[in-house]
Amino acid sequence: MPAAFSTELTGRRVVDSRGDLLGTVVDLFIDDVTGSVLGLLLELDAGLDPKLLPWSTFGEHLVVPTEEVASIDEDIHLTR
């Protein structure tokens, strides 16, 4: 994932490889030992069931690993 400030990512839309909206970034999931960003915490779009998605949840948020990020522009695009 390219360098960015968390404030630049918070609130940004996350879309899958087809361009469908999954949700918006509410926070980053960070390894407290290494400081590495492990994933994006998403607030899911209304009507999406996190149980049907391939990623885990943390509380009420979906955790999308950084390895799933294909590109970042106005939106965050995922590889699948």
C-alpha atoms as a PDB file:
ATOM      1  CA  MET A   1       0.000   0.000   0.000  1.00  0.00           C
ATOM      2  CA  PRO A   2       1.470   3.415  -0.904  1.00  0.00           C
ATOM      3  CA  ALA A   3       2.246   5.891   1.856  1.00  0.00           C
ATOM      4  CA  ALA A   4      -0.743   7.912   3.047  1.00  0.00           C
ATOM      5  CA  PHE A   5      -1.951   9.582   6.207  1.00  0.00           C
ATOM      6  CA  SER A   6      -4.852   7.877   7.953  1.00  0.00           C
ATOM      7  CA  THR A   7      -6.868  11.084   7.679  1.00  0.00           C
ATOM      8  CA  GLU A   8      -6.557  10.826   3.892  1.00  0.00           C
ATOM      9  CA  LEU A   9      -8.135   7.365   3.939  1.00  0.00           C
ATOM     10  CA  THR A  10     -10.820   7.809   6.602  1.00  0.00           C
ATOM     11  CA  GLY A  11     -14.198   8.366   4.986  1.00  0.00           C
ATOM     12  CA  ARG A  12     -13.045   7.153   1.594  1.00  0.00           C
ATOM     13  CA  ARG A  13     -15.300   4.759  -0.289  1.00  0.00           C
ATOM     14  CA  VAL A  14     -14.122   1.163  -0.804  1.00  0.00           C
ATOM     15  CA  VAL A  15     -15.242  -0.624  -3.963  1.00  0.00           C
ATOM     16  CA  ASP A  16     -14.712  -4.179  -5.167  1.00  0.00           C
ATOM     17  CA  SER A  17     -13.177  -5.171  -8.505  1.00  0.00           C
ATOM     18  CA  ARG A  18     -16.547  -4.674 -10.229  1.00  0.00           C
ATOM     19  CA  GLY A  19     -16.907  -1.162  -8.815  1.00  0.00           C
ATOM     20  CA  ASP A  20     -19.633  -2.104  -6.324  1.00  0.00           C
ATOM     21  CA  LEU A  21     -19.556  -0.142  -3.071  1.00  0.00           C
ATOM     22  CA  LEU A  22     -18.640  -2.186   0.009  1.00  0.00           C
ATOM     23  CA  GLY A  23     -18.488   0.665   2.492  1.00  0.00           C
ATOM     24  CA  THR A  24     -16.323   3.467   3.826  1.00  0.00           C
ATOM     25  CA  VAL A  25     -13.081   3.463   5.804  1.00  0.00           C
ATOM     26  CA  VAL A  26     -13.598   4.346   9.460  1.00  0.00           C
ATOM     27  CA  ASP A  27     -10.142   3.467  10.754  1.00  0.00           C
ATOM     28  CA  LEU A  28      -6.975   1.504  10.089  1.00  0.00           C
ATOM     29  CA  PHE A  29      -6.098  -1.812  11.728  1.00  0.00           C
ATOM     30  CA  ILE A  30      -2.469  -1.475  12.915  1.00  0.00           C
ATOM     31  CA  ASP A  31      -0.071  -4.011  14.437  1.00  0.00           C
ATOM     32  CA  ASP A  32       0.818  -2.465  17.790  1.00  0.00           C
ATOM     33  CA  VAL A  33       4.267  -4.130  17.826  1.00  0.00           C
ATOM     34  CA  THR A  34       5.541  -3.369  14.316  1.00  0.00           C
ATOM     35  CA  GLY A  35       3.350  -0.395  13.449  1.00  0.00           C
ATOM     36  CA  SER A  36       2.424  -2.006  10.132  1.00  0.00           C
ATOM     37  CA  VAL A  37      -0.998  -1.328   8.693  1.00  0.00           C
ATOM     38  CA  LEU A  38      -2.719  -4.706   8.584  1.00  0.00           C
ATOM     39  CA  GLY A  39      -6.032  -3.655   7.164  1.00  0.00           C
ATOM     40  CA  LEU A  40      -8.804  -1.163   6.662  1.00  0.00           C
ATOM     41  CA  LEU A  41     -11.772  -1.068   9.028  1.00  0.00           C
ATOM     42  CA  LEU A  42     -14.939  -0.515   7.019  1.00  0.00           C
ATOM     43  CA  GLU A  43     -18.416   0.551   7.872  1.00  0.00           C
ATOM     44  CA  LEU A  44     -20.371  -1.612   5.448  1.00  0.00           C
ATOM     45  CA  ASP A  45     -22.855  -0.172   3.002  1.00  0.00           C
ATOM     46  CA  ALA A  46     -26.473  -0.700   4.083  1.00  0.00           C
ATOM     47  CA  GLY A  47     -27.833  -4.118   3.257  1.00  0.00           C
ATOM     48  CA  LEU A  48     -24.496  -5.950   3.013  1.00  0.00           C
ATOM     49  CA  ASP A  49     -24.099  -9.036   5.180  1.00  0.00           C
ATOM     50  CA  PRO A  50     -20.495  -9.368   6.444  1.00  0.00           C
ATOM     51  CA  LYS A  51     -20.988 -13.134   6.813  1.00  0.00           C
ATOM     52  CA  LEU A  52     -21.184 -13.394   3.018  1.00  0.00           C
ATOM     53  CA  LEU A  53     -17.852 -11.603   2.508  1.00  0.00           C
ATOM     54  CA  PRO A  54     -14.420 -13.290   2.576  1.00  0.00           C
ATOM     55  CA  TRP A  55     -12.994 -11.085   5.360  1.00  0.00           C
ATOM     56  CA  SER A  56     -13.265 -11.071   9.123  1.00  0.00           C
ATOM     57  CA  THR A  57     -15.008  -8.534  11.302  1.00  0.00           C
ATOM     58  CA  PHE A  58     -13.797  -6.549  14.279  1.00  0.00           C
ATOM     59  CA  GLY A  59     -16.775  -5.467  16.340  1.00  0.00           C
ATOM     60  CA  GLU A  60     -19.259  -4.026  13.876  1.00  0.00           C
ATOM     61  CA  HIS A  61     -16.643  -3.297  11.219  1.00  0.00           C
ATOM     62  CA  LEU A  62     -15.269  -5.354   8.362  1.00  0.00           C
ATOM     63  CA  VAL A  63     -11.477  -5.815   8.258  1.00  0.00           C
ATOM     64  CA  VAL A  64     -10.076  -5.761   4.729  1.00  0.00           C
ATOM     65  CA  PRO A  65      -6.376  -6.756   4.636  1.00  0.00           C
ATOM     66  CA  THR A  66      -4.046  -4.305   2.900  1.00  0.00           C
ATOM     67  CA  GLU A  67      -3.050  -7.064   0.460  1.00  0.00           C
ATOM     68  CA  GLU A  68      -6.552  -6.758  -1.017  1.00  0.00           C
ATOM     69  CA  VAL A  69      -6.020  -3.118  -2.047  1.00  0.00           C
ATOM     70  CA  ALA A  70      -5.388  -2.807  -5.783  1.00  0.00           C
ATOM     71  CA  SER A  71      -5.287   0.983  -6.073  1.00  0.00           C
ATOM     72  CA  ILE A  72      -6.241   4.211  -4.358  1.00  0.00           C
ATOM     73  CA  ASP A  73      -7.687   7.286  -6.055  1.00  0.00           C
ATOM     74  CA  GLU A  74     -10.961   8.992  -5.117  1.00  0.00           C
ATOM     75  CA  ASP A  75     -12.008   5.504  -3.998  1.00  0.00           C
ATOM     76  CA  ILE A  76     -10.081   2.542  -2.643  1.00  0.00           C
ATOM     77  CA  HIS A  77     -10.257  -0.278  -5.182  1.00  0.00           C
ATOM     78  CA  LEU A  78      -9.922  -3.896  -4.112  1.00  0.00           C
ATOM     79  CA  THR A  79      -8.421  -6.774  -6.080  1.00  0.00           C
ATOM     80  CA  ARG A  80     -11.616  -8.826  -5.869  1.00  0.00           C
END
